[in-house]
Amino acid sequence: MLSMTSDYVADHGDPEPYLRAMADAGFTHVHWCHHWRSDFLYTDSEIEQIGRWLQIYGLKLSDTHGSEGIEKFWYAPQEYARLAGVELVKNRIDFTARLGGDAVVMHAYPPTVRPDLAIFNDYLFDQIRRSLDDLEAFALARGVQIALENLIDFTAVEADVVDSVRAGDNAGLLAQLLAAYDPAFLSFCFDSGHAMLGQNRIERYEPLFARLSVLHLHDNDGLRDLHLPVYDGVVDWERVAALIAASPYAKPISYELSLKNTTFTEAAPFLAYSFPGCQRFAERVRTLRRQK
């Protein structure tokens, strides 16, 4: 069983053709990633239709990429915007619970991911704690975790500041937050591509694999967040496989690939090319688990 992100072609518009192509290629599960960077709220009719599509194509929802929002931002410095952002996260939690998933991925820091918020650096930690406190009971009641994703200072990488540690990451923040909350509520989403941008940061996130609940697996050139098929870039896949195999992660191995930085223009050939590498990596994880 393998999981694929829903937005491997686009993160908006009609997802049905891409769900069908995923199923035809052999994927069995979906990481829902549509509208991850918007204020879009899923209504009952939309959730029900997505559920019908999943059933038609024999797909199951593994987890969801929650939207950090634009104006409804879940740790905005303005309290009204933070509260609106909490409602947006609750919408994704409800979406996930109703479709059978178990986790919603959220972004947290570094502030330069949102340069407009950098001046509020000291205040944002308090805001994210307020939002997590507001969300905990709601998420636990629905059996859905919040999974915090590893991020880096994308602005430094995009400016070619990739020669040293100047492109910072959120490893310390995630460790602090995970230590403060119940594992049943707060967990870790590992993004293999982010861990390689600017430098290899996998070791910095290794302690967090004890709380691993979501995977964003993809490759890149170490300079750009390309979301390439596995084995097409610089990610140390043997190390990643070993960490996953030793972790409590038990869901289908999940990939966050995109065709936009490849030579492919159509879904079917892109998936046909990507699927063997996905299978190969998943089999390596299974092998390492058997050897434990």
C-alpha atoms as a PDB file:
ATOM      1  CA  MET A   1       0.000   0.000   0.000  1.00  0.00           C
ATOM      2  CA  LEU A   2       1.295   3.435  -0.994  1.00  0.00           C
ATOM      3  CA  SER A   3      -0.045   6.946  -0.423  1.00  0.00           C
ATOM      4  CA  MET A   4       0.248   9.934  -2.766  1.00  0.00           C
ATOM      5  CA  THR A   5      -0.470  13.617  -2.307  1.00  0.00           C
ATOM      6  CA  SER A   6      -3.604  14.863  -4.042  1.00  0.00           C
ATOM      7  CA  ASP A   7      -1.906  17.988  -5.456  1.00  0.00           C
ATOM      8  CA  TYR A   8       0.795  16.386  -7.593  1.00  0.00           C
ATOM      9  CA  VAL A   9      -0.598  18.338 -10.569  1.00  0.00           C
ATOM     10  CA  ALA A  10      -2.480  21.245  -8.955  1.00  0.00           C
ATOM     11  CA  ASP A  11      -3.683  22.186  -5.487  1.00  0.00           C
ATOM     12  CA  HIS A  12      -7.041  23.584  -6.587  1.00  0.00           C
ATOM     13  CA  GLY A  13      -9.774  22.818  -9.080  1.00  0.00           C
ATOM     14  CA  ASP A  14     -11.382  19.455  -9.797  1.00  0.00           C
ATOM     15  CA  PRO A  15      -9.321  16.677  -8.133  1.00  0.00           C
ATOM     16  CA  GLU A  16     -11.330  13.797  -9.592  1.00  0.00           C
ATOM     17  CA  PRO A  17      -9.161  13.089 -12.684  1.00  0.00           C
ATOM     18  CA  TYR A  18      -6.025  13.008 -10.553  1.00  0.00           C
ATOM     19  CA  LEU A  19      -7.575  10.697  -7.970  1.00  0.00           C
ATOM     20  CA  ARG A  20      -8.539   8.335 -10.776  1.00  0.00           C
ATOM     21  CA  ALA A  21      -5.002   8.451 -12.207  1.00  0.00           C
ATOM     22  CA  MET A  22      -3.520   7.725  -8.765  1.00  0.00           C
ATOM     23  CA  ALA A  23      -5.698   4.659  -8.371  1.00  0.00           C
ATOM     24  CA  ASP A  24      -4.911   3.486 -11.912  1.00  0.00           C
ATOM     25  CA  ALA A  25      -1.180   3.793 -11.162  1.00  0.00           C
ATOM     26  CA  GLY A  26      -1.482   1.559  -8.093  1.00  0.00           C
ATOM     27  CA  PHE A  27      -1.662   4.000  -5.185  1.00  0.00           C
ATOM     28  CA  THR A  28      -4.113   2.965  -2.477  1.00  0.00           C
ATOM     29  CA  HIS A  29      -4.130   5.964  -0.126  1.00  0.00           C
ATOM     30  CA  VAL A  30      -4.258   9.751  -0.377  1.00  0.00           C
ATOM     31  CA  HIS A  31      -2.549  12.540   1.500  1.00  0.00           C
ATOM     32  CA  TRP A  32      -5.033  15.359   0.878  1.00  0.00           C
ATOM     33  CA  CYS A  33      -3.058  18.493   0.035  1.00  0.00           C
ATOM     34  CA  HIS A  34      -5.523  20.665  -1.871  1.00  0.00           C
ATOM     35  CA  HIS A  35      -5.966  24.271  -0.696  1.00  0.00           C
ATOM     36  CA  TRP A  36      -3.091  23.985   1.791  1.00  0.00           C
ATOM     37  CA  ARG A  37      -2.172  27.660   1.290  1.00  0.00           C
ATOM     38  CA  SER A  38      -5.554  29.341   1.255  1.00  0.00           C
ATOM     39  CA  ASP A  39      -8.496  30.345   3.406  1.00  0.00           C
ATOM     40  CA  PHE A  40     -10.687  27.735   1.686  1.00  0.00           C
ATOM     41  CA  LEU A  41     -13.266  26.067   3.933  1.00  0.00           C
ATOM     42  CA  TYR A  42     -14.642  22.656   2.948  1.00  0.00           C
ATOM     43  CA  THR A  43     -18.436  22.447   3.120  1.00  0.00           C
ATOM     44  CA  ASP A  44     -20.508  19.338   3.794  1.00  0.00           C
ATOM     45  CA  SER A  45     -21.306  18.861   0.103  1.00  0.00           C
ATOM     46  CA  GLU A  46     -17.629  19.037  -0.878  1.00  0.00           C
ATOM     47  CA  ILE A  47     -16.532  16.608   1.836  1.00  0.00           C
ATOM     48  CA  GLU A  48     -19.273  14.200   0.830  1.00  0.00           C
ATOM     49  CA  GLN A  49     -18.285  14.375  -2.853  1.00  0.00           C
ATOM     50  CA  ILE A  50     -14.621  13.770  -2.088  1.00  0.00           C
ATOM     51  CA  GLY A  51     -15.714  10.778  -0.013  1.00  0.00           C
ATOM     52  CA  ARG A  52     -17.669   9.427  -2.993  1.00  0.00           C
ATOM     53  CA  TRP A  53     -14.646   9.806  -5.274  1.00  0.00           C
ATOM     54  CA  LEU A  54     -12.419   7.984  -2.801  1.00  0.00           C
ATOM     55  CA  GLN A  55     -14.935   5.148  -2.636  1.00  0.00           C
ATOM     56  CA  ILE A  56     -15.327   4.937  -6.433  1.00  0.00           C
ATOM     57  CA  TYR A  57     -11.580   4.645  -6.976  1.00  0.00           C
ATOM     58  CA  GLY A  58     -10.867   2.403  -4.008  1.00  0.00           C
ATOM     59  CA  LEU A  59      -8.742   5.008  -2.259  1.00  0.00           C
ATOM     60  CA  LYS A  60      -8.508   5.757   1.458  1.00  0.00           C
ATOM     61  CA  LEU A  61      -7.547   9.007   3.139  1.00  0.00           C
ATOM     62  CA  SER A  62      -4.377   8.691   5.209  1.00  0.00           C
ATOM     63  CA  ASP A  63      -4.016  12.274   6.385  1.00  0.00           C
ATOM     64  CA  THR A  64      -4.485  15.900   5.354  1.00  0.00           C
ATOM     65  CA  HIS A  65      -2.262  18.915   4.867  1.00  0.00           C
ATOM     66  CA  GLY A  66      -3.998  21.604   6.858  1.00  0.00           C
ATOM     67  CA  SER A  67      -4.037  25.149   5.561  1.00  0.00           C
ATOM     68  CA  GLU A  68      -2.006  27.693   7.449  1.00  0.00           C
ATOM     69  CA  GLY A  69      -4.267  30.250   5.776  1.00  0.00           C
ATOM     70  CA  ILE A  70      -3.648  33.689   4.325  1.00  0.00           C
ATOM     71  CA  GLU A  71      -5.819  35.974   6.438  1.00  0.00           C
ATOM     72  CA  LYS A  72      -7.154  33.161   8.642  1.00  0.00           C
ATOM     73  CA  PHE A  73      -3.703  32.325   9.988  1.00  0.00           C
ATOM     74  CA  TRP A  74      -3.539  29.925  12.928  1.00  0.00           C
ATOM     75  CA  TYR A  75      -0.860  31.799  14.861  1.00  0.00           C
ATOM     76  CA  ALA A  76      -1.349  35.293  13.492  1.00  0.00           C
ATOM     77  CA  PRO A  77      -0.267  38.134  15.779  1.00  0.00           C
ATOM     78  CA  GLN A  78      -3.734  39.682  15.450  1.00  0.00           C
ATOM     79  CA  GLU A  79      -6.067  37.794  17.770  1.00  0.00           C
ATOM     80  CA  TYR A  80      -9.102  37.914  15.456  1.00  0.00           C
ATOM     81  CA  ALA A  81      -7.032  36.424  12.626  1.00  0.00           C
ATOM     82  CA  ARG A  82      -5.606  33.749  14.931  1.00  0.00           C
ATOM     83  CA  LEU A  83      -9.093  32.716  16.028  1.00  0.00           C
ATOM     84  CA  ALA A  84     -10.216  32.598  12.397  1.00  0.00           C
ATOM     85  CA  GLY A  85      -7.157  30.457  11.676  1.00  0.00           C
ATOM     86  CA  VAL A  86      -8.138  28.065  14.466  1.00  0.00           C
ATOM     87  CA  GLU A  87     -11.547  27.657  12.804  1.00  0.00           C
ATOM     88  CA  LEU A  88      -9.756  26.888   9.521  1.00  0.00           C
ATOM     89  CA  VAL A  89      -7.700  24.169  11.220  1.00  0.00           C
ATOM     90  CA  LYS A  90     -10.856  22.770  12.819  1.00  0.00           C
ATOM     91  CA  ASN A  91     -12.370  22.570   9.339  1.00  0.00           C
ATOM     92  CA  ARG A  92      -9.462  20.391   8.201  1.00  0.00           C
ATOM     93  CA  ILE A  93      -9.682  18.249  11.341  1.00  0.00           C
ATOM     94  CA  ASP A  94     -13.371  17.673  10.677  1.00  0.00           C
ATOM     95  CA  PHE A  95     -12.637  16.944   6.999  1.00  0.00           C
ATOM     96  CA  THR A  96     -10.031  14.380   8.007  1.00  0.00           C
ATOM     97  CA  ALA A  97     -12.140  12.663  10.641  1.00  0.00           C
ATOM     98  CA  ARG A  98     -15.149  12.356   8.352  1.00  0.00           C
ATOM     99  CA  LEU A  99     -13.064  10.804   5.563  1.00  0.00           C
ATOM    100  CA  GLY A 100     -11.230   8.337   7.807  1.00  0.00           C
ATOM    101  CA  GLY A 101      -7.827   9.978   8.186  1.00  0.00           C
ATOM    102  CA  ASP A 102      -5.914  10.398  11.435  1.00  0.00           C
ATOM    103  CA  ALA A 103      -3.694  13.496  11.182  1.00  0.00           C
ATOM    104  CA  VAL A 104      -3.607  17.081   9.931  1.00  0.00           C
ATOM    105  CA  VAL A 105      -0.209  18.515   9.015  1.00  0.00           C
ATOM    106  CA  MET A 106       0.476  22.093  10.064  1.00  0.00           C
ATOM    107  CA  HIS A 107       3.356  24.497   9.510  1.00  0.00           C
ATOM    108  CA  ALA A 108       5.024  26.164  12.474  1.00  0.00           C
ATOM    109  CA  TYR A 109       7.941  28.562  12.080  1.00  0.00           C
ATOM    110  CA  PRO A 110      10.554  29.673  11.225  1.00  0.00           C
ATOM    111  CA  PRO A 111       8.992  33.129  10.817  1.00  0.00           C
ATOM    112  CA  THR A 112      10.796  33.661   7.524  1.00  0.00           C
ATOM    113  CA  VAL A 113       8.462  31.113   5.958  1.00  0.00           C
ATOM    114  CA  ARG A 114       6.066  34.030   6.354  1.00  0.00           C
ATOM    115  CA  PRO A 115       8.377  37.070   6.039  1.00  0.00           C
ATOM    116  CA  ASP A 116       5.483  39.391   6.836  1.00  0.00           C
ATOM    117  CA  LEU A 117       5.409  37.908  10.346  1.00  0.00           C
ATOM    118  CA  ALA A 118       9.139  38.048  11.093  1.00  0.00           C
ATOM    119  CA  ILE A 119       8.819  41.240  13.126  1.00  0.00           C
ATOM    120  CA  PHE A 120       6.495  39.366  15.506  1.00  0.00           C
ATOM    121  CA  ASN A 121       9.076  36.634  16.152  1.00  0.00           C
ATOM    122  CA  ASP A 122       8.953  36.725  19.949  1.00  0.00           C
ATOM    123  CA  TYR A 123       5.161  36.927  20.081  1.00  0.00           C
ATOM    124  CA  LEU A 124       4.392  34.101  17.655  1.00  0.00           C
ATOM    125  CA  PHE A 125       5.419  31.316  20.026  1.00  0.00           C
ATOM    126  CA  ASP A 126       2.765  32.439  22.497  1.00  0.00           C
ATOM    127  CA  GLN A 127       0.206  32.570  19.684  1.00  0.00           C
ATOM    128  CA  ILE A 128       0.925  29.058  18.471  1.00  0.00           C
ATOM    129  CA  ARG A 129       0.628  27.763  22.034  1.00  0.00           C
ATOM    130  CA  ARG A 130      -2.745  29.506  22.354  1.00  0.00           C
ATOM    131  CA  SER A 131      -3.923  27.907  19.125  1.00  0.00           C
ATOM    132  CA  LEU A 132      -2.714  24.448  20.106  1.00  0.00           C
ATOM    133  CA  ASP A 133      -4.499  24.817  23.433  1.00  0.00           C
ATOM    134  CA  ASP A 134      -7.677  25.831  21.585  1.00  0.00           C
ATOM    135  CA  LEU A 135      -7.421  22.853  19.220  1.00  0.00           C
ATOM    136  CA  GLU A 136      -6.417  20.030  21.558  1.00  0.00           C
ATOM    137  CA  ALA A 137      -9.815  18.928  22.869  1.00  0.00           C
ATOM    138  CA  PHE A 138     -11.436  19.331  19.444  1.00  0.00           C
ATOM    139  CA  ALA A 139      -8.786  17.155  17.755  1.00  0.00           C
ATOM    140  CA  LEU A 140      -8.687  14.485  20.465  1.00  0.00           C
ATOM    141  CA  ALA A 141     -12.476  14.108  20.381  1.00  0.00           C
ATOM    142  CA  ARG A 142     -12.243  13.291  16.663  1.00  0.00           C
ATOM    143  CA  GLY A 143      -9.206  11.025  16.831  1.00  0.00           C
ATOM    144  CA  VAL A 144      -7.110  13.351  14.682  1.00  0.00           C
ATOM    145  CA  GLN A 145      -3.582  14.456  15.535  1.00  0.00           C
ATOM    146  CA  ILE A 146      -1.874  17.710  14.610  1.00  0.00           C
ATOM    147  CA  ALA A 147       1.426  16.791  12.926  1.00  0.00           C
ATOM    148  CA  LEU A 148       4.006  19.599  12.857  1.00  0.00           C
ATOM    149  CA  GLU A 149       6.176  19.624   9.728  1.00  0.00           C
ATOM    150  CA  ASN A 150       9.905  20.302   9.537  1.00  0.00           C
ATOM    151  CA  LEU A 151      10.551  23.601   7.766  1.00  0.00           C
ATOM    152  CA  ILE A 152      13.524  25.736   6.831  1.00  0.00           C
ATOM    153  CA  ASP A 153      14.144  29.382   6.071  1.00  0.00           C
ATOM    154  CA  PHE A 154      13.010  29.245   2.458  1.00  0.00           C
ATOM    155  CA  THR A 155      13.843  32.900   1.880  1.00  0.00           C
ATOM    156  CA  ALA A 156      17.528  32.240   2.573  1.00  0.00           C
ATOM    157  CA  VAL A 157      17.582  29.213   0.280  1.00  0.00           C
ATOM    158  CA  GLU A 158      15.843  31.060  -2.520  1.00  0.00           C
ATOM    159  CA  ALA A 159      18.425  33.835  -2.165  1.00  0.00           C
ATOM    160  CA  ASP A 160      21.178  31.208  -2.628  1.00  0.00           C
ATOM    161  CA  VAL A 161      22.240  31.454   1.012  1.00  0.00           C
ATOM    162  CA  VAL A 162      22.873  27.722   1.060  1.00  0.00           C
ATOM    163  CA  ASP A 163      26.529  27.543   1.966  1.00  0.00           C
ATOM    164  CA  SER A 164      26.097  27.049   5.706  1.00  0.00           C
ATOM    165  CA  VAL A 165      23.668  27.036   8.603  1.00  0.00           C
ATOM    166  CA  ARG A 166      22.427  30.507   7.635  1.00  0.00           C
ATOM    167  CA  ALA A 167      19.314  28.849   6.217  1.00  0.00           C
ATOM    168  CA  GLY A 168      17.820  27.969   9.595  1.00  0.00           C
ATOM    169  CA  ASP A 169      15.208  25.377  10.481  1.00  0.00           C
ATOM    170  CA  ASN A 170      12.520  24.700  13.071  1.00  0.00           C
ATOM    171  CA  ALA A 171      13.995  21.579  14.716  1.00  0.00           C
ATOM    172  CA  GLY A 172      14.339  23.244  18.102  1.00  0.00           C
ATOM    173  CA  LEU A 173      10.847  24.691  18.015  1.00  0.00           C
ATOM    174  CA  LEU A 174       9.269  21.356  17.120  1.00  0.00           C
ATOM    175  CA  ALA A 175      11.133  19.597  19.923  1.00  0.00           C
ATOM    176  CA  GLN A 176       9.909  22.208  22.398  1.00  0.00           C
ATOM    177  CA  LEU A 177       6.283  21.959  21.248  1.00  0.00           C
ATOM    178  CA  LEU A 178       6.215  18.157  21.089  1.00  0.00           C
ATOM    179  CA  ALA A 179       7.560  17.984  24.644  1.00  0.00           C
ATOM    180  CA  ALA A 180       4.756  20.244  25.846  1.00  0.00           C
ATOM    181  CA  TYR A 181       1.784  18.283  24.484  1.00  0.00           C
ATOM    182  CA  ASP A 182       0.244  14.823  24.670  1.00  0.00           C
ATOM    183  CA  PRO A 183       1.540  12.484  21.918  1.00  0.00           C
ATOM    184  CA  ALA A 184      -2.083  11.562  21.211  1.00  0.00           C
ATOM    185  CA  PHE A 185      -2.598  15.169  20.108  1.00  0.00           C
ATOM    186  CA  LEU A 186       0.698  16.489  18.741  1.00  0.00           C
ATOM    187  CA  SER A 187       3.032  14.535  16.455  1.00  0.00           C
ATOM    188  CA  PHE A 188       5.712  14.964  13.780  1.00  0.00           C
ATOM    189  CA  CYS A 189       5.480  15.143   9.997  1.00  0.00           C
ATOM    190  CA  PHE A 190       8.809  14.452   8.283  1.00  0.00           C
ATOM    191  CA  ASP A 191       9.426  16.199   4.969  1.00  0.00           C
ATOM    192  CA  SER A 192      12.476  14.612   3.331  1.00  0.00           C
ATOM    193  CA  GLY A 193      12.929  17.413   0.810  1.00  0.00           C
ATOM    194  CA  HIS A 194      12.948  20.180   3.398  1.00  0.00           C
ATOM    195  CA  ALA A 195      15.527  18.231   5.387  1.00  0.00           C
ATOM    196  CA  MET A 196      18.022  18.522   2.500  1.00  0.00           C
ATOM    197  CA  LEU A 197      17.684  22.174   1.510  1.00  0.00           C
ATOM    198  CA  GLY A 198      20.853  24.143   2.110  1.00  0.00           C
ATOM    199  CA  GLN A 199      22.415  21.257   3.986  1.00  0.00           C
ATOM    200  CA  ASN A 200      21.554  17.783   5.225  1.00  0.00           C
ATOM    201  CA  ARG A 201      19.428  18.330   8.351  1.00  0.00           C
ATOM    202  CA  ILE A 202      18.111  14.798   8.805  1.00  0.00           C
ATOM    203  CA  GLU A 203      20.178  14.289  11.961  1.00  0.00           C
ATOM    204  CA  ARG A 204      18.609  17.382  13.543  1.00  0.00           C
ATOM    205  CA  TYR A 205      15.145  15.860  13.234  1.00  0.00           C
ATOM    206  CA  GLU A 206      16.118  12.310  14.184  1.00  0.00           C
ATOM    207  CA  PRO A 207      14.925  12.604  17.824  1.00  0.00           C
ATOM    208  CA  LEU A 208      11.456  13.599  16.594  1.00  0.00           C
ATOM    209  CA  PHE A 209      10.899  10.331  14.740  1.00  0.00           C
ATOM    210  CA  ALA A 210       9.641   8.835  17.995  1.00  0.00           C
ATOM    211  CA  ARG A 211       6.515  10.969  17.359  1.00  0.00           C
ATOM    212  CA  LEU A 212       6.328  10.374  13.571  1.00  0.00           C
ATOM    213  CA  SER A 213       2.767  10.183  12.195  1.00  0.00           C
ATOM    214  CA  VAL A 214       2.911  11.665   8.663  1.00  0.00           C
ATOM    215  CA  LEU A 215       5.397  11.428   5.797  1.00  0.00           C
ATOM    216  CA  HIS A 216       6.092  13.947   3.036  1.00  0.00           C
ATOM    217  CA  LEU A 217       8.606  12.002   0.953  1.00  0.00           C
ATOM    218  CA  HIS A 218      10.156  13.601  -2.119  1.00  0.00           C
ATOM    219  CA  ASP A 219      13.567  14.471  -3.551  1.00  0.00           C
ATOM    220  CA  ASN A 220      15.412  17.572  -4.729  1.00  0.00           C
ATOM    221  CA  ASP A 221      18.817  18.952  -5.720  1.00  0.00           C
ATOM    222  CA  GLY A 222      19.614  20.364  -2.274  1.00  0.00           C
ATOM    223  CA  LEU A 223      18.924  23.895  -3.491  1.00  0.00           C
ATOM    224  CA  ARG A 224      15.254  24.005  -4.489  1.00  0.00           C
ATOM    225  CA  ASP A 225      12.084  22.483  -3.044  1.00  0.00           C
ATOM    226  CA  LEU A 226      11.365  20.507  -6.225  1.00  0.00           C
ATOM    227  CA  HIS A 227       9.226  17.609  -4.928  1.00  0.00           C
ATOM    228  CA  LEU A 228      10.895  15.186  -7.332  1.00  0.00           C
ATOM    229  CA  PRO A 229      10.308  11.425  -7.428  1.00  0.00           C
ATOM    230  CA  VAL A 230      12.368   9.482  -4.914  1.00  0.00           C
ATOM    231  CA  TYR A 231      15.919   8.572  -6.000  1.00  0.00           C
ATOM    232  CA  ASP A 232      15.993  11.495  -8.466  1.00  0.00           C
ATOM    233  CA  GLY A 233      17.969  13.838  -6.214  1.00  0.00           C
ATOM    234  CA  VAL A 234      20.220  14.104  -3.169  1.00  0.00           C
ATOM    235  CA  VAL A 235      18.115  12.723  -0.304  1.00  0.00           C
ATOM    236  CA  ASP A 236      19.866  10.023   1.747  1.00  0.00           C
ATOM    237  CA  TRP A 237      17.092   7.489   1.255  1.00  0.00           C
ATOM    238  CA  GLU A 238      18.850   4.692   3.133  1.00  0.00           C
ATOM    239  CA  ARG A 239      19.044   6.881   6.235  1.00  0.00           C
ATOM    240  CA  VAL A 240      15.416   7.952   5.874  1.00  0.00           C
ATOM    241  CA  ALA A 241      14.298   4.324   5.469  1.00  0.00           C
ATOM    242  CA  ALA A 242      16.157   3.322   8.626  1.00  0.00           C
ATOM    243  CA  LEU A 243      14.568   6.131  10.652  1.00  0.00           C
ATOM    244  CA  ILE A 244      11.070   5.277   9.458  1.00  0.00           C
ATOM    245  CA  ALA A 245      11.606   1.571  10.088  1.00  0.00           C
ATOM    246  CA  ALA A 246      12.680   2.282  13.672  1.00  0.00           C
ATOM    247  CA  SER A 247       9.778   4.672  14.301  1.00  0.00           C
ATOM    248  CA  PRO A 248       6.184   3.924  15.373  1.00  0.00           C
ATOM    249  CA  TYR A 249       4.922   4.948  11.908  1.00  0.00           C
ATOM    250  CA  ALA A 250       2.553   2.206  10.692  1.00  0.00           C
ATOM    251  CA  LYS A 251       0.565   3.758   7.836  1.00  0.00           C
ATOM    252  CA  PRO A 252       1.245   3.360   4.094  1.00  0.00           C
ATOM    253  CA  ILE A 253       4.455   5.070   3.021  1.00  0.00           C
ATOM    254  CA  SER A 254       3.373   8.476   1.733  1.00  0.00           C
ATOM    255  CA  TYR A 255       4.822  10.625  -1.057  1.00  0.00           C
ATOM    256  CA  GLU A 256       4.458  14.351  -1.732  1.00  0.00           C
ATOM    257  CA  LEU A 257       5.562  14.483  -5.356  1.00  0.00           C
ATOM    258  CA  SER A 258       4.892  17.083  -8.048  1.00  0.00           C
ATOM    259  CA  LEU A 259       5.238  16.885 -11.815  1.00  0.00           C
ATOM    260  CA  LYS A 260       5.772  20.644 -12.239  1.00  0.00           C
ATOM    261  CA  ASN A 261       9.576  20.429 -11.955  1.00  0.00           C
ATOM    262  CA  THR A 262       9.915  17.366 -14.172  1.00  0.00           C
ATOM    263  CA  THR A 263       9.713  16.815 -17.922  1.00  0.00           C
ATOM    264  CA  PHE A 264       6.224  15.341 -17.561  1.00  0.00           C
ATOM    265  CA  THR A 265       3.067  17.263 -18.434  1.00  0.00           C
ATOM    266  CA  GLU A 266       0.433  14.563 -17.895  1.00  0.00           C
ATOM    267  CA  ALA A 267      -0.533  12.704 -14.740  1.00  0.00           C
ATOM    268  CA  ALA A 268      -0.483   9.119 -16.024  1.00  0.00           C
ATOM    269  CA  PRO A 269       3.094   9.011 -17.367  1.00  0.00           C
ATOM    270  CA  PHE A 270       4.387  10.920 -14.345  1.00  0.00           C
ATOM    271  CA  LEU A 271       2.822   8.410 -11.969  1.00  0.00           C
ATOM    272  CA  ALA A 272       3.973   5.459 -14.085  1.00  0.00           C
ATOM    273  CA  TYR A 273       7.535   6.782 -13.831  1.00  0.00           C
ATOM    274  CA  SER A 274       7.325   7.586 -10.103  1.00  0.00           C
ATOM    275  CA  PHE A 275       5.554   4.460  -8.851  1.00  0.00           C
ATOM    276  CA  PRO A 276       8.485   1.979  -9.110  1.00  0.00           C
ATOM    277  CA  GLY A 277      10.705   4.246  -7.005  1.00  0.00           C
ATOM    278  CA  CYS A 278       7.923   4.578  -4.441  1.00  0.00           C
ATOM    279  CA  GLN A 279       7.594   0.791  -4.328  1.00  0.00           C
ATOM    280  CA  ARG A 280      11.348   0.338  -4.038  1.00  0.00           C
ATOM    281  CA  PHE A 281      11.614   2.680  -1.063  1.00  0.00           C
ATOM    282  CA  ALA A 282       8.601   1.174   0.701  1.00  0.00           C
ATOM    283  CA  GLU A 283      10.062  -2.287   0.272  1.00  0.00           C
ATOM    284  CA  ARG A 284      13.337  -1.090   1.785  1.00  0.00           C
ATOM    285  CA  VAL A 285      11.458   0.149   4.857  1.00  0.00           C
ATOM    286  CA  ARG A 286       9.682  -3.221   5.135  1.00  0.00           C
ATOM    287  CA  THR A 287      12.990  -5.051   4.872  1.00  0.00           C
ATOM    288  CA  LEU A 288      14.582  -2.972   7.625  1.00  0.00           C
ATOM    289  CA  ARG A 289      11.563  -3.536   9.865  1.00  0.00           C
ATOM    290  CA  ARG A 290      11.873  -7.299   9.438  1.00  0.00           C
ATOM    291  CA  GLN A 291      15.560  -7.090  10.379  1.00  0.00           C
ATOM    292  CA  LYS A 292      14.906  -5.279  13.696  1.00  0.00           C
END
